[in-house]
Amino acid sequence: MKAINNQRGAVLIVSLVILLVLTLIGVSGARSALMGERMTFASRDAKIALEVAESMARLGEAHIDSLDNLNAFTTTGWLRSEGNGPDDLFAAATWTNDNSVEKDVPMLAADGTTKLKGRMYIELAGLASDDANPADVDLSTGSTGLDFPDIRVFKIVTRGKGIGGTERVIVTLYGRSI
């Protein structure tokens, strides 16, 4: 009986300290897993936003290929004449209906039914002429005998938005003779 009375609770204190350490390790592991999940979602969202922006660029190219003339390009709207595009690609006003157009892209959101949308505007960027290589010139006539049409260059600016709100802006140049 004397041995029982001499106990002071040391085992209880040691076991509580060990339990506290194990709890802190568990909480730290859970926080790391949550942070990894957030980073994975952000990466996925950025990739979706980029895919939407790239799909919008392909839609812009298809629109340019369907044009017969350049009469639709003005100083306002989503089809802009040369030098009349929005100044700041990241300003909220650039991506309103006054300056860009919203279109569905052939991608679905995570729910499998909602279509993803992107925005774009197209600006005339000038002419690109294919000047023949001077070495190919027939010096007897002063002409290459080759006739290349002038290529009209278009600047396609697109914005894709991921399901979590991440945005990606792409600027591409596309050429076509009109």
C-alpha atoms as a PDB file:
ATOM      1  CA  MET A   1       0.000   0.000   0.000  1.00  0.00           C
ATOM      2  CA  LYS A   2       2.847   2.294   0.663  1.00  0.00           C
ATOM      3  CA  ALA A   3       3.961   2.194  -3.031  1.00  0.00           C
ATOM      4  CA  ILE A   4       0.565   3.390  -4.228  1.00  0.00           C
ATOM      5  CA  ASN A   5       0.593   6.432  -2.005  1.00  0.00           C
ATOM      6  CA  ASN A   6       4.023   7.509  -3.302  1.00  0.00           C
ATOM      7  CA  GLN A   7       2.728   7.895  -6.895  1.00  0.00           C
ATOM      8  CA  ARG A   8       2.583  11.564  -7.995  1.00  0.00           C
ATOM      9  CA  GLY A   9       0.952  11.233 -11.488  1.00  0.00           C
ATOM     10  CA  ALA A  10       4.123  11.383 -13.615  1.00  0.00           C
ATOM     11  CA  VAL A  11       2.773   8.822 -16.092  1.00  0.00           C
ATOM     12  CA  LEU A  12      -0.352  10.923 -16.600  1.00  0.00           C
ATOM     13  CA  ILE A  13       1.673  14.052 -17.364  1.00  0.00           C
ATOM     14  CA  VAL A  14       3.997  12.217 -19.767  1.00  0.00           C
ATOM     15  CA  SER A  15       1.072  10.621 -21.616  1.00  0.00           C
ATOM     16  CA  LEU A  16      -0.711  14.000 -21.915  1.00  0.00           C
ATOM     17  CA  VAL A  17       2.444  15.592 -23.381  1.00  0.00           C
ATOM     18  CA  ILE A  18       2.765  12.729 -25.902  1.00  0.00           C
ATOM     19  CA  LEU A  19      -0.930  13.097 -26.807  1.00  0.00           C
ATOM     20  CA  LEU A  20      -0.441  16.852 -27.320  1.00  0.00           C
ATOM     21  CA  VAL A  21       2.549  16.255 -29.626  1.00  0.00           C
ATOM     22  CA  LEU A  22       0.627  13.667 -31.661  1.00  0.00           C
ATOM     23  CA  THR A  23      -2.340  16.054 -31.961  1.00  0.00           C
ATOM     24  CA  LEU A  24      -0.082  18.847 -33.264  1.00  0.00           C
ATOM     25  CA  ILE A  25       1.448  16.468 -35.827  1.00  0.00           C
ATOM     26  CA  GLY A  26      -2.041  15.424 -36.972  1.00  0.00           C
ATOM     27  CA  VAL A  27      -3.256  19.017 -37.316  1.00  0.00           C
ATOM     28  CA  SER A  28      -0.121  19.960 -39.264  1.00  0.00           C
ATOM     29  CA  GLY A  29      -0.650  17.026 -41.649  1.00  0.00           C
ATOM     30  CA  ALA A  30      -4.279  17.986 -42.221  1.00  0.00           C
ATOM     31  CA  ARG A  31      -3.290  21.596 -42.985  1.00  0.00           C
ATOM     32  CA  SER A  32      -0.661  20.399 -45.478  1.00  0.00           C
ATOM     33  CA  ALA A  33      -3.208  18.187 -47.234  1.00  0.00           C
ATOM     34  CA  LEU A  34      -5.676  21.072 -47.439  1.00  0.00           C
ATOM     35  CA  MET A  35      -3.008  23.392 -48.870  1.00  0.00           C
ATOM     36  CA  GLY A  36      -2.087  20.771 -51.485  1.00  0.00           C
ATOM     37  CA  GLU A  37      -5.736  20.454 -52.470  1.00  0.00           C
ATOM     38  CA  ARG A  38      -6.052  24.236 -52.868  1.00  0.00           C
ATOM     39  CA  MET A  39      -2.922  24.391 -55.036  1.00  0.00           C
ATOM     40  CA  THR A  40      -4.211  21.557 -57.226  1.00  0.00           C
ATOM     41  CA  PHE A  41      -7.547  23.337 -57.699  1.00  0.00           C
ATOM     42  CA  ALA A  42      -5.799  26.630 -58.569  1.00  0.00           C
ATOM     43  CA  SER A  43      -3.615  24.863 -61.133  1.00  0.00           C
ATOM     44  CA  ARG A  44      -6.625  23.120 -62.681  1.00  0.00           C
ATOM     45  CA  ASP A  45      -8.576  26.378 -62.773  1.00  0.00           C
ATOM     46  CA  ALA A  46      -5.700  28.177 -64.522  1.00  0.00           C
ATOM     47  CA  LYS A  47      -5.515  25.416 -67.147  1.00  0.00           C
ATOM     48  CA  ILE A  48      -9.259  25.611 -67.769  1.00  0.00           C
ATOM     49  CA  ALA A  49      -9.039  29.417 -68.154  1.00  0.00           C
ATOM     50  CA  LEU A  50      -6.189  29.001 -70.652  1.00  0.00           C
ATOM     51  CA  GLU A  51      -8.132  26.380 -72.632  1.00  0.00           C
ATOM     52  CA  VAL A  52     -11.164  28.686 -72.769  1.00  0.00           C
ATOM     53  CA  ALA A  53      -8.995  31.572 -74.014  1.00  0.00           C
ATOM     54  CA  GLU A  54      -7.392  29.338 -76.656  1.00  0.00           C
ATOM     55  CA  SER A  55     -10.824  28.124 -77.786  1.00  0.00           C
ATOM     56  CA  MET A  56     -11.925  31.749 -78.115  1.00  0.00           C
ATOM     57  CA  ALA A  57      -8.868  32.448 -80.288  1.00  0.00           C
ATOM     58  CA  ARG A  58      -9.906  29.587 -82.612  1.00  0.00           C
ATOM     59  CA  LEU A  59     -13.439  31.051 -82.750  1.00  0.00           C
ATOM     60  CA  GLY A  60     -11.912  34.428 -83.655  1.00  0.00           C
ATOM     61  CA  GLU A  61      -9.896  32.844 -86.460  1.00  0.00           C
ATOM     62  CA  ALA A  62     -13.020  31.121 -87.762  1.00  0.00           C
ATOM     63  CA  HIS A  63     -14.861  34.470 -87.728  1.00  0.00           C
ATOM     64  CA  ILE A  64     -12.037  36.136 -89.667  1.00  0.00           C
ATOM     65  CA  ASP A  65     -12.077  33.303 -92.220  1.00  0.00           C
ATOM     66  CA  SER A  66     -15.800  33.925 -92.770  1.00  0.00           C
ATOM     67  CA  LEU A  67     -15.334  37.639 -93.610  1.00  0.00           C
ATOM     68  CA  ASP A  68     -15.868  38.890 -97.163  1.00  0.00           C
ATOM     69  CA  ASN A  69     -14.824  42.468 -96.406  1.00  0.00           C
ATOM     70  CA  LEU A  70     -13.676  44.682 -93.543  1.00  0.00           C
ATOM     71  CA  ASN A  71     -16.755  46.913 -93.312  1.00  0.00           C
ATOM     72  CA  ALA A  72     -17.704  45.577 -89.865  1.00  0.00           C
ATOM     73  CA  PHE A  73     -14.502  46.949 -88.284  1.00  0.00           C
ATOM     74  CA  THR A  74     -15.187  50.296 -86.585  1.00  0.00           C
ATOM     75  CA  THR A  75     -13.926  52.379 -83.661  1.00  0.00           C
ATOM     76  CA  THR A  76     -16.327  50.722 -81.195  1.00  0.00           C
ATOM     77  CA  GLY A  77     -17.643  47.234 -80.496  1.00  0.00           C
ATOM     78  CA  TRP A  78     -15.736  43.970 -80.648  1.00  0.00           C
ATOM     79  CA  LEU A  79     -14.475  44.376 -84.225  1.00  0.00           C
ATOM     80  CA  ARG A  80     -12.050  47.310 -84.124  1.00  0.00           C
ATOM     81  CA  SER A  81     -10.315  49.254 -86.862  1.00  0.00           C
ATOM     82  CA  GLU A  82      -6.550  49.629 -86.746  1.00  0.00           C
ATOM     83  CA  GLY A  83      -5.305  51.433 -83.631  1.00  0.00           C
ATOM     84  CA  ASN A  84      -8.753  51.616 -82.012  1.00  0.00           C
ATOM     85  CA  GLY A  85      -8.594  48.643 -79.633  1.00  0.00           C
ATOM     86  CA  PRO A  86      -8.935  49.059 -75.871  1.00  0.00           C
ATOM     87  CA  ASP A  87      -5.800  50.467 -74.229  1.00  0.00           C
ATOM     88  CA  ASP A  88      -5.691  48.269 -71.115  1.00  0.00           C
ATOM     89  CA  LEU A  89      -6.190  44.534 -71.585  1.00  0.00           C
ATOM     90  CA  PHE A  90      -6.719  44.041 -67.864  1.00  0.00           C
ATOM     91  CA  ALA A  91      -9.257  46.822 -67.260  1.00  0.00           C
ATOM     92  CA  ALA A  92     -12.785  45.699 -66.435  1.00  0.00           C
ATOM     93  CA  ALA A  93     -14.206  47.992 -69.143  1.00  0.00           C
ATOM     94  CA  THR A  94     -12.271  46.089 -71.824  1.00  0.00           C
ATOM     95  CA  TRP A  95     -14.316  42.969 -71.153  1.00  0.00           C
ATOM     96  CA  THR A  96     -17.810  44.480 -71.188  1.00  0.00           C
ATOM     97  CA  ASN A  97     -20.312  44.163 -74.037  1.00  0.00           C
ATOM     98  CA  ASP A  98     -19.219  47.608 -75.283  1.00  0.00           C
ATOM     99  CA  ASN A  99     -15.714  46.406 -76.145  1.00  0.00           C
ATOM    100  CA  SER A 100     -15.853  42.620 -76.498  1.00  0.00           C
ATOM    101  CA  VAL A 101     -18.190  39.769 -77.293  1.00  0.00           C
ATOM    102  CA  GLU A 102     -19.001  36.735 -75.136  1.00  0.00           C
ATOM    103  CA  LYS A 103     -19.286  33.341 -76.792  1.00  0.00           C
ATOM    104  CA  ASP A 104     -19.755  29.744 -75.677  1.00  0.00           C
ATOM    105  CA  VAL A 105     -16.758  27.486 -76.102  1.00  0.00           C
ATOM    106  CA  PRO A 106     -17.024  23.742 -76.739  1.00  0.00           C
ATOM    107  CA  MET A 107     -16.216  22.883 -73.107  1.00  0.00           C
ATOM    108  CA  LEU A 108     -18.401  22.062 -70.140  1.00  0.00           C
ATOM    109  CA  ALA A 109     -17.997  23.097 -66.520  1.00  0.00           C
ATOM    110  CA  ALA A 110     -17.441  20.560 -63.738  1.00  0.00           C
ATOM    111  CA  ASP A 111     -21.184  19.861 -63.453  1.00  0.00           C
ATOM    112  CA  GLY A 112     -21.158  18.462 -67.007  1.00  0.00           C
ATOM    113  CA  THR A 113     -24.031  20.618 -68.264  1.00  0.00           C
ATOM    114  CA  THR A 114     -22.997  24.289 -67.982  1.00  0.00           C
ATOM    115  CA  LYS A 115     -21.167  25.600 -71.051  1.00  0.00           C
ATOM    116  CA  LEU A 116     -18.053  27.648 -70.394  1.00  0.00           C
ATOM    117  CA  LYS A 117     -17.871  31.108 -71.942  1.00  0.00           C
ATOM    118  CA  GLY A 118     -15.062  33.395 -72.997  1.00  0.00           C
ATOM    119  CA  ARG A 119     -14.715  36.924 -74.326  1.00  0.00           C
ATOM    120  CA  MET A 120     -12.791  38.395 -77.254  1.00  0.00           C
ATOM    121  CA  TYR A 121     -12.280  41.362 -79.482  1.00  0.00           C
ATOM    122  CA  ILE A 122     -10.529  41.559 -82.837  1.00  0.00           C
ATOM    123  CA  GLU A 123      -8.538  44.558 -84.034  1.00  0.00           C
ATOM    124  CA  LEU A 124      -7.075  45.180 -87.471  1.00  0.00           C
ATOM    125  CA  ALA A 125      -3.293  45.193 -87.084  1.00  0.00           C
ATOM    126  CA  GLY A 126      -2.125  46.222 -90.553  1.00  0.00           C
ATOM    127  CA  LEU A 127      -0.837  44.632 -93.738  1.00  0.00           C
ATOM    128  CA  ALA A 128       1.898  42.084 -94.239  1.00  0.00           C
ATOM    129  CA  SER A 129       3.257  41.958 -97.757  1.00  0.00           C
ATOM    130  CA  ASP A 130       5.350  39.098 -99.059  1.00  0.00           C
ATOM    131  CA  ASP A 131       8.186  40.895-100.781  1.00  0.00           C
ATOM    132  CA  ALA A 132       9.972  38.438-103.030  1.00  0.00           C
ATOM    133  CA  ASN A 133      13.553  37.534-102.306  1.00  0.00           C
ATOM    134  CA  PRO A 134      15.766  39.934-104.334  1.00  0.00           C
ATOM    135  CA  ALA A 135      17.966  37.010-105.362  1.00  0.00           C
ATOM    136  CA  ASP A 136      14.988  35.530-107.240  1.00  0.00           C
ATOM    137  CA  VAL A 137      14.539  38.607-109.449  1.00  0.00           C
ATOM    138  CA  ASP A 138      15.048  38.013-113.151  1.00  0.00           C
ATOM    139  CA  LEU A 139      17.407  40.886-113.930  1.00  0.00           C
ATOM    140  CA  SER A 140      16.469  40.889-117.614  1.00  0.00           C
ATOM    141  CA  THR A 141      12.882  41.922-116.858  1.00  0.00           C
ATOM    142  CA  GLY A 142      13.244  43.339-113.325  1.00  0.00           C
ATOM    143  CA  SER A 143      10.410  41.130-112.096  1.00  0.00           C
ATOM    144  CA  THR A 144      10.146  37.861-110.217  1.00  0.00           C
ATOM    145  CA  GLY A 145       7.076  36.792-112.101  1.00  0.00           C
ATOM    146  CA  LEU A 146       5.538  35.901-108.739  1.00  0.00           C
ATOM    147  CA  ASP A 147       2.530  37.720-107.418  1.00  0.00           C
ATOM    148  CA  PHE A 148       1.735  37.462-103.721  1.00  0.00           C
ATOM    149  CA  PRO A 149      -1.435  38.991-102.289  1.00  0.00           C
ATOM    150  CA  ASP A 150      -1.188  41.331 -99.350  1.00  0.00           C
ATOM    151  CA  ILE A 151      -2.086  39.638 -96.090  1.00  0.00           C
ATOM    152  CA  ARG A 152      -4.347  41.508 -93.700  1.00  0.00           C
ATOM    153  CA  VAL A 153      -3.165  40.943 -90.108  1.00  0.00           C
ATOM    154  CA  PHE A 154      -5.705  40.749 -87.284  1.00  0.00           C
ATOM    155  CA  LYS A 155      -4.956  40.978 -83.567  1.00  0.00           C
ATOM    156  CA  ILE A 156      -7.241  38.596 -81.669  1.00  0.00           C
ATOM    157  CA  VAL A 157      -7.410  39.279 -77.921  1.00  0.00           C
ATOM    158  CA  THR A 158      -9.231  36.685 -75.840  1.00  0.00           C
ATOM    159  CA  ARG A 159      -9.997  36.165 -72.172  1.00  0.00           C
ATOM    160  CA  GLY A 160     -10.821  32.849 -70.579  1.00  0.00           C
ATOM    161  CA  LYS A 161     -12.163  32.428 -67.087  1.00  0.00           C
ATOM    162  CA  GLY A 162     -11.875  29.263 -65.026  1.00  0.00           C
ATOM    163  CA  ILE A 163     -14.624  27.864 -62.833  1.00  0.00           C
ATOM    164  CA  GLY A 164     -12.927  29.334 -59.765  1.00  0.00           C
ATOM    165  CA  GLY A 165     -12.496  32.800 -61.266  1.00  0.00           C
ATOM    166  CA  THR A 166      -8.922  32.537 -62.557  1.00  0.00           C
ATOM    167  CA  GLU A 167      -8.482  34.593 -65.749  1.00  0.00           C
ATOM    168  CA  ARG A 168      -6.093  34.192 -68.666  1.00  0.00           C
ATOM    169  CA  VAL A 169      -5.670  36.692 -71.526  1.00  0.00           C
ATOM    170  CA  ILE A 170      -4.162  35.652 -74.861  1.00  0.00           C
ATOM    171  CA  VAL A 171      -3.096  37.963 -77.691  1.00  0.00           C
ATOM    172  CA  THR A 172      -2.602  36.301 -81.082  1.00  0.00           C
ATOM    173  CA  LEU A 173      -1.977  37.553 -84.591  1.00  0.00           C
ATOM    174  CA  TYR A 174      -3.772  35.957 -87.519  1.00  0.00           C
ATOM    175  CA  GLY A 175      -3.291  36.722 -91.175  1.00  0.00           C
ATOM    176  CA  ARG A 176      -5.594  36.342 -94.163  1.00  0.00           C
ATOM    177  CA  SER A 177      -5.826  37.884 -97.579  1.00  0.00           C
ATOM    178  CA  ILE A 178      -9.089  39.709 -98.134  1.00  0.00           C
END
